[in-house]
């Protein structure tokens, strides 16, 4: 969505989709990808919290700028939905990587 996504989205970490590809990662690659995804998730969580605060403020009759038409509630809600969807996907990817990491540690 235009305006709802930040330029930082282009730096998203990409991990292999299937468990076979994840299991092919070295321990270092697995740890690095997990750290990167967790960092991105924390950033998205902060963004989502900010959006929730702004949505609550606008719903309460306030405006996030001096121009009431600058930031409509629907725009904020759409941005929050985008962030939430990406955050859910990150959680899925993080869970897969953590499961692989746990599996490897159980073998040792």
N, C-alpha and C. Protein backbone atom coordinates (compact mmCIF):
# COMPACT_ATOMS: atom_id res chain seq x y z
N UNK A 1 0.83 -1.17 0.00
CA UNK A 1 0.00 0.00 0.00
C UNK A 1 0.88 1.24 0.00
N UNK A 2 0.61 2.16 -0.86
CA UNK A 2 1.39 3.38 -0.93
C UNK A 2 1.18 4.19 0.33
N UNK A 3 2.27 4.70 0.87
CA UNK A 3 2.18 5.50 2.08
C UNK A 3 2.17 4.67 3.34
N UNK A 4 1.71 3.43 3.28
CA UNK A 4 1.65 2.59 4.46
C UNK A 4 2.92 1.81 4.71
N UNK A 5 3.68 1.60 3.68
CA UNK A 5 4.92 0.84 3.82
C UNK A 5 6.10 1.79 3.84
N UNK A 6 7.10 1.42 4.58
CA UNK A 6 8.32 2.22 4.64
C UNK A 6 9.33 1.68 3.65
N UNK A 7 10.29 2.50 3.31
CA UNK A 7 11.35 2.09 2.39
C UNK A 7 12.13 0.91 2.94
N UNK A 8 12.14 0.72 4.25
CA UNK A 8 12.89 -0.37 4.87
C UNK A 8 12.35 -1.74 4.47
N UNK A 9 11.13 -1.79 3.91
CA UNK A 9 10.56 -3.06 3.50
C UNK A 9 11.44 -3.77 2.47
N UNK A 10 12.19 -3.00 1.68
CA UNK A 10 13.03 -3.62 0.66
C UNK A 10 14.20 -4.38 1.28
N UNK A 11 14.48 -4.15 2.56
CA UNK A 11 15.58 -4.84 3.21
C UNK A 11 15.12 -6.07 3.98
N UNK A 12 13.91 -6.48 3.75
CA UNK A 12 13.39 -7.65 4.44
C UNK A 12 14.29 -8.86 4.23
N UNK A 13 14.35 -9.65 5.26
CA UNK A 13 15.14 -10.87 5.21
C UNK A 13 14.30 -11.93 4.51
N UNK A 14 14.92 -12.66 3.63
CA UNK A 14 14.22 -13.72 2.93
C UNK A 14 14.81 -15.06 3.35
N UNK A 15 13.94 -15.96 3.77
CA UNK A 15 14.41 -17.28 4.15
C UNK A 15 13.81 -18.31 3.21
N UNK A 16 14.44 -19.45 3.09
CA UNK A 16 13.87 -20.51 2.26
C UNK A 16 12.49 -20.90 2.78
N UNK A 17 11.59 -21.22 1.88
CA UNK A 17 10.20 -21.49 2.23
C UNK A 17 9.99 -22.85 2.87
N UNK A 18 10.66 -23.87 2.39
CA UNK A 18 10.40 -25.22 2.86
C UNK A 18 11.36 -25.68 3.93
N UNK A 19 10.95 -26.69 4.67
CA UNK A 19 11.80 -27.21 5.75
C UNK A 19 13.07 -27.84 5.20
N UNK A 20 13.02 -28.37 3.96
CA UNK A 20 14.23 -28.95 3.37
C UNK A 20 15.28 -27.86 3.16
N UNK A 21 14.84 -26.69 2.67
CA UNK A 21 15.77 -25.59 2.44
C UNK A 21 16.31 -25.06 3.76
N UNK A 22 15.47 -24.99 4.77
CA UNK A 22 15.91 -24.51 6.08
C UNK A 22 16.93 -25.46 6.68
N UNK A 23 16.69 -26.75 6.53
CA UNK A 23 17.63 -27.73 7.10
C UNK A 23 18.96 -27.70 6.37
N UNK A 24 19.00 -27.15 5.16
CA UNK A 24 20.25 -27.06 4.41
C UNK A 24 21.11 -25.87 4.85
N UNK A 25 20.56 -24.97 5.65
CA UNK A 25 21.31 -23.82 6.13
C UNK A 25 22.36 -24.28 7.14
N UNK A 26 23.50 -23.62 7.12
CA UNK A 26 24.50 -23.89 8.16
C UNK A 26 23.99 -23.32 9.47
N UNK A 27 24.61 -23.73 10.57
CA UNK A 27 24.22 -23.19 11.88
C UNK A 27 24.38 -21.67 11.91
N UNK A 28 25.46 -21.19 11.32
CA UNK A 28 25.71 -19.74 11.29
C UNK A 28 24.65 -19.02 10.46
N UNK A 29 24.30 -19.58 9.31
CA UNK A 29 23.26 -18.97 8.47
C UNK A 29 21.91 -18.99 9.18
N UNK A 30 21.61 -20.08 9.84
CA UNK A 30 20.36 -20.20 10.58
C UNK A 30 20.29 -19.13 11.67
N UNK A 31 21.36 -19.01 12.45
CA UNK A 31 21.40 -18.02 13.51
C UNK A 31 21.31 -16.60 12.99
N UNK A 32 21.99 -16.35 11.89
CA UNK A 32 21.98 -15.01 11.30
C UNK A 32 20.59 -14.65 10.79
N UNK A 33 19.95 -15.57 10.10
CA UNK A 33 18.61 -15.30 9.58
C UNK A 33 17.61 -15.14 10.72
N UNK A 34 17.74 -15.95 11.73
CA UNK A 34 16.84 -15.85 12.89
C UNK A 34 17.00 -14.48 13.56
N UNK A 35 18.23 -14.06 13.76
CA UNK A 35 18.48 -12.75 14.37
C UNK A 35 17.91 -11.61 13.53
N UNK A 36 18.09 -11.71 12.22
CA UNK A 36 17.58 -10.67 11.32
C UNK A 36 16.06 -10.60 11.35
N UNK A 37 15.43 -11.77 11.33
CA UNK A 37 13.96 -11.80 11.37
C UNK A 37 13.43 -11.28 12.70
N UNK A 38 14.09 -11.63 13.79
CA UNK A 38 13.66 -11.15 15.10
C UNK A 38 13.82 -9.63 15.20
N UNK A 39 14.89 -9.10 14.62
CA UNK A 39 15.11 -7.65 14.61
C UNK A 39 14.01 -6.95 13.80
N UNK A 40 13.70 -7.51 12.64
CA UNK A 40 12.63 -6.94 11.81
C UNK A 40 11.28 -7.01 12.54
N UNK A 41 11.05 -8.11 13.25
CA UNK A 41 9.78 -8.25 13.99
C UNK A 41 9.67 -7.20 15.08
N UNK A 42 10.77 -6.94 15.78
CA UNK A 42 10.75 -5.89 16.82
C UNK A 42 10.45 -4.52 16.22
N UNK A 43 11.03 -4.23 15.06
CA UNK A 43 10.77 -2.96 14.39
C UNK A 43 9.30 -2.86 13.98
N UNK A 44 8.77 -3.94 13.44
CA UNK A 44 7.36 -3.94 13.04
C UNK A 44 6.45 -3.81 14.25
N UNK A 45 6.81 -4.43 15.35
CA UNK A 45 6.00 -4.32 16.56
C UNK A 45 5.95 -2.88 17.04
N UNK A 46 7.10 -2.18 16.99
CA UNK A 46 7.12 -0.77 17.37
C UNK A 46 6.25 0.06 16.44
N UNK A 47 6.36 -0.21 15.14
CA UNK A 47 5.54 0.52 14.14
C UNK A 47 4.06 0.26 14.39
N UNK A 48 3.71 -0.99 14.68
CA UNK A 48 2.31 -1.35 14.93
C UNK A 48 1.79 -0.65 16.18
N UNK A 49 2.58 -0.59 17.22
CA UNK A 49 2.18 0.11 18.45
C UNK A 49 1.95 1.59 18.16
N UNK A 50 2.85 2.19 17.39
CA UNK A 50 2.69 3.60 17.02
C UNK A 50 1.39 3.80 16.24
N UNK A 51 1.14 2.92 15.30
CA UNK A 51 -0.11 3.02 14.52
C UNK A 51 -1.33 2.87 15.41
N UNK A 52 -1.29 1.91 16.35
CA UNK A 52 -2.43 1.74 17.27
C UNK A 52 -2.66 3.00 18.08
N UNK A 53 -1.59 3.61 18.56
CA UNK A 53 -1.72 4.85 19.33
C UNK A 53 -2.32 5.96 18.47
N UNK A 54 -1.87 6.08 17.24
CA UNK A 54 -2.39 7.12 16.35
C UNK A 54 -3.85 6.85 16.00
N UNK A 55 -4.20 5.59 15.77
CA UNK A 55 -5.60 5.23 15.47
C UNK A 55 -6.49 5.59 16.65
N UNK A 56 -6.06 5.24 17.85
CA UNK A 56 -6.84 5.57 19.05
C UNK A 56 -7.01 7.08 19.20
N UNK A 57 -5.94 7.83 18.93
CA UNK A 57 -6.00 9.29 19.03
C UNK A 57 -6.99 9.87 18.02
N UNK A 58 -6.92 9.40 16.77
CA UNK A 58 -7.84 9.90 15.74
C UNK A 58 -9.27 9.50 16.05
N UNK A 59 -9.47 8.27 16.50
CA UNK A 59 -10.83 7.83 16.88
C UNK A 59 -11.39 8.68 18.03
N UNK A 60 -10.51 9.16 18.89
CA UNK A 60 -10.93 9.99 20.01
C UNK A 60 -11.21 11.43 19.62
N UNK A 61 -11.09 11.73 18.34
CA UNK A 61 -11.39 13.07 17.86
C UNK A 61 -10.18 13.94 17.61
N UNK A 62 -9.01 13.40 17.82
CA UNK A 62 -7.79 14.17 17.59
C UNK A 62 -7.26 13.95 16.19
N UNK A 63 -6.25 14.68 15.87
CA UNK A 63 -5.61 14.55 14.57
C UNK A 63 -4.10 14.45 14.78
N UNK A 64 -3.46 13.68 13.94
CA UNK A 64 -2.03 13.48 14.09
C UNK A 64 -1.23 14.61 13.45
N UNK A 65 -1.91 15.53 12.80
CA UNK A 65 -1.23 16.70 12.23
C UNK A 65 -2.18 17.88 12.34
N UNK A 66 -1.73 19.05 11.96
CA UNK A 66 -2.59 20.23 12.03
C UNK A 66 -3.66 20.21 10.95
N UNK A 67 -3.50 19.36 9.97
CA UNK A 67 -4.47 19.24 8.88
C UNK A 67 -5.29 17.97 9.10
N UNK A 68 -6.57 18.09 9.48
CA UNK A 68 -7.38 16.91 9.78
C UNK A 68 -7.55 15.95 8.60
N UNK A 69 -7.38 16.44 7.39
CA UNK A 69 -7.53 15.55 6.23
C UNK A 69 -6.23 14.83 5.90
N UNK A 70 -5.14 15.22 6.57
CA UNK A 70 -3.82 14.64 6.28
C UNK A 70 -3.75 13.16 6.61
N UNK A 71 -4.36 12.76 7.68
CA UNK A 71 -4.23 11.38 8.13
C UNK A 71 -5.60 10.82 8.47
N UNK A 72 -6.22 10.22 7.51
CA UNK A 72 -7.54 9.66 7.71
C UNK A 72 -7.45 8.32 8.43
N UNK A 73 -8.47 8.04 9.17
CA UNK A 73 -8.53 6.80 9.94
C UNK A 73 -8.37 5.58 9.05
N UNK A 74 -9.01 5.59 7.90
CA UNK A 74 -8.92 4.42 7.00
C UNK A 74 -7.49 4.18 6.53
N UNK A 75 -6.74 5.25 6.33
CA UNK A 75 -5.34 5.11 5.91
C UNK A 75 -4.52 4.48 7.03
N UNK A 76 -4.73 4.95 8.24
CA UNK A 76 -4.02 4.38 9.40
C UNK A 76 -4.38 2.91 9.59
N UNK A 77 -5.66 2.59 9.48
CA UNK A 77 -6.10 1.21 9.67
C UNK A 77 -5.54 0.29 8.59
N UNK A 78 -5.47 0.78 7.36
CA UNK A 78 -4.90 -0.02 6.28
C UNK A 78 -3.41 -0.25 6.51
N UNK A 79 -2.71 0.77 6.97
CA UNK A 79 -1.28 0.62 7.27
C UNK A 79 -1.08 -0.38 8.41
N UNK A 80 -1.93 -0.32 9.43
CA UNK A 80 -1.84 -1.26 10.55
C UNK A 80 -2.09 -2.69 10.08
N UNK A 81 -3.04 -2.86 9.18
CA UNK A 81 -3.35 -4.19 8.64
C UNK A 81 -2.14 -4.74 7.88
N UNK A 82 -1.51 -3.90 7.07
CA UNK A 82 -0.31 -4.32 6.33
C UNK A 82 0.80 -4.75 7.28
N UNK A 83 1.04 -3.94 8.29
CA UNK A 83 2.09 -4.25 9.27
C UNK A 83 1.76 -5.55 10.00
N UNK A 84 0.50 -5.72 10.39
CA UNK A 84 0.09 -6.93 11.11
C UNK A 84 0.27 -8.18 10.26
N UNK A 85 -0.08 -8.09 8.98
CA UNK A 85 0.07 -9.24 8.09
C UNK A 85 1.54 -9.62 7.94
N UNK A 86 2.40 -8.62 7.76
CA UNK A 86 3.84 -8.90 7.64
C UNK A 86 4.38 -9.49 8.94
N UNK A 87 3.90 -8.97 10.06
CA UNK A 87 4.35 -9.46 11.37
C UNK A 87 3.94 -10.92 11.57
N UNK A 88 2.73 -11.27 11.16
CA UNK A 88 2.29 -12.67 11.26
C UNK A 88 3.17 -13.58 10.40
N UNK A 89 3.52 -13.12 9.20
CA UNK A 89 4.39 -13.91 8.34
C UNK A 89 5.77 -14.07 8.97
N UNK A 90 6.28 -13.00 9.56
CA UNK A 90 7.57 -13.09 10.25
C UNK A 90 7.51 -14.10 11.39
N UNK A 91 6.43 -14.08 12.14
CA UNK A 91 6.28 -15.03 13.25
C UNK A 91 6.32 -16.47 12.72
N UNK A 92 5.68 -16.72 11.59
CA UNK A 92 5.68 -18.05 11.00
C UNK A 92 7.11 -18.45 10.63
N UNK A 93 7.84 -17.54 10.00
CA UNK A 93 9.21 -17.83 9.60
C UNK A 93 10.12 -18.02 10.81
N UNK A 94 9.95 -17.18 11.81
CA UNK A 94 10.75 -17.30 13.03
C UNK A 94 10.48 -18.64 13.71
N UNK A 95 9.23 -19.04 13.76
CA UNK A 95 8.88 -20.33 14.37
C UNK A 95 9.55 -21.49 13.63
N UNK A 96 9.57 -21.42 12.29
CA UNK A 96 10.22 -22.48 11.51
C UNK A 96 11.72 -22.54 11.82
N UNK A 97 12.35 -21.38 11.88
CA UNK A 97 13.79 -21.36 12.16
C UNK A 97 14.09 -21.81 13.58
N UNK A 98 13.26 -21.40 14.53
CA UNK A 98 13.47 -21.84 15.92
C UNK A 98 13.28 -23.35 16.05
N UNK A 99 12.29 -23.88 15.34
CA UNK A 99 12.05 -25.33 15.37
C UNK A 99 13.27 -26.07 14.82
N UNK A 100 13.83 -25.57 13.73
CA UNK A 100 15.02 -26.20 13.15
C UNK A 100 16.20 -26.11 14.13
N UNK A 101 16.37 -24.96 14.75
CA UNK A 101 17.44 -24.78 15.71
C UNK A 101 17.28 -25.75 16.90
N UNK A 102 16.08 -25.88 17.39
CA UNK A 102 15.81 -26.82 18.49
C UNK A 102 16.09 -28.25 18.07
N UNK A 103 15.66 -28.60 16.86
CA UNK A 103 15.89 -29.95 16.35
C UNK A 103 17.38 -30.26 16.32
N UNK A 104 18.16 -29.29 15.86
CA UNK A 104 19.62 -29.49 15.78
C UNK A 104 20.23 -29.64 17.17
N UNK A 105 19.78 -28.88 18.12
CA UNK A 105 20.34 -28.95 19.47
C UNK A 105 19.95 -30.24 20.17
N UNK A 106 18.82 -30.80 19.82
CA UNK A 106 18.40 -32.07 20.41
C UNK A 106 19.24 -33.24 19.90
N UNK A 107 19.76 -33.08 18.68
CA UNK A 107 20.58 -34.14 18.09
C UNK A 107 21.96 -34.20 18.73
N UNK A 108 22.41 -33.10 19.28
CA UNK A 108 23.80 -33.07 19.79
C UNK A 108 23.91 -33.62 21.19
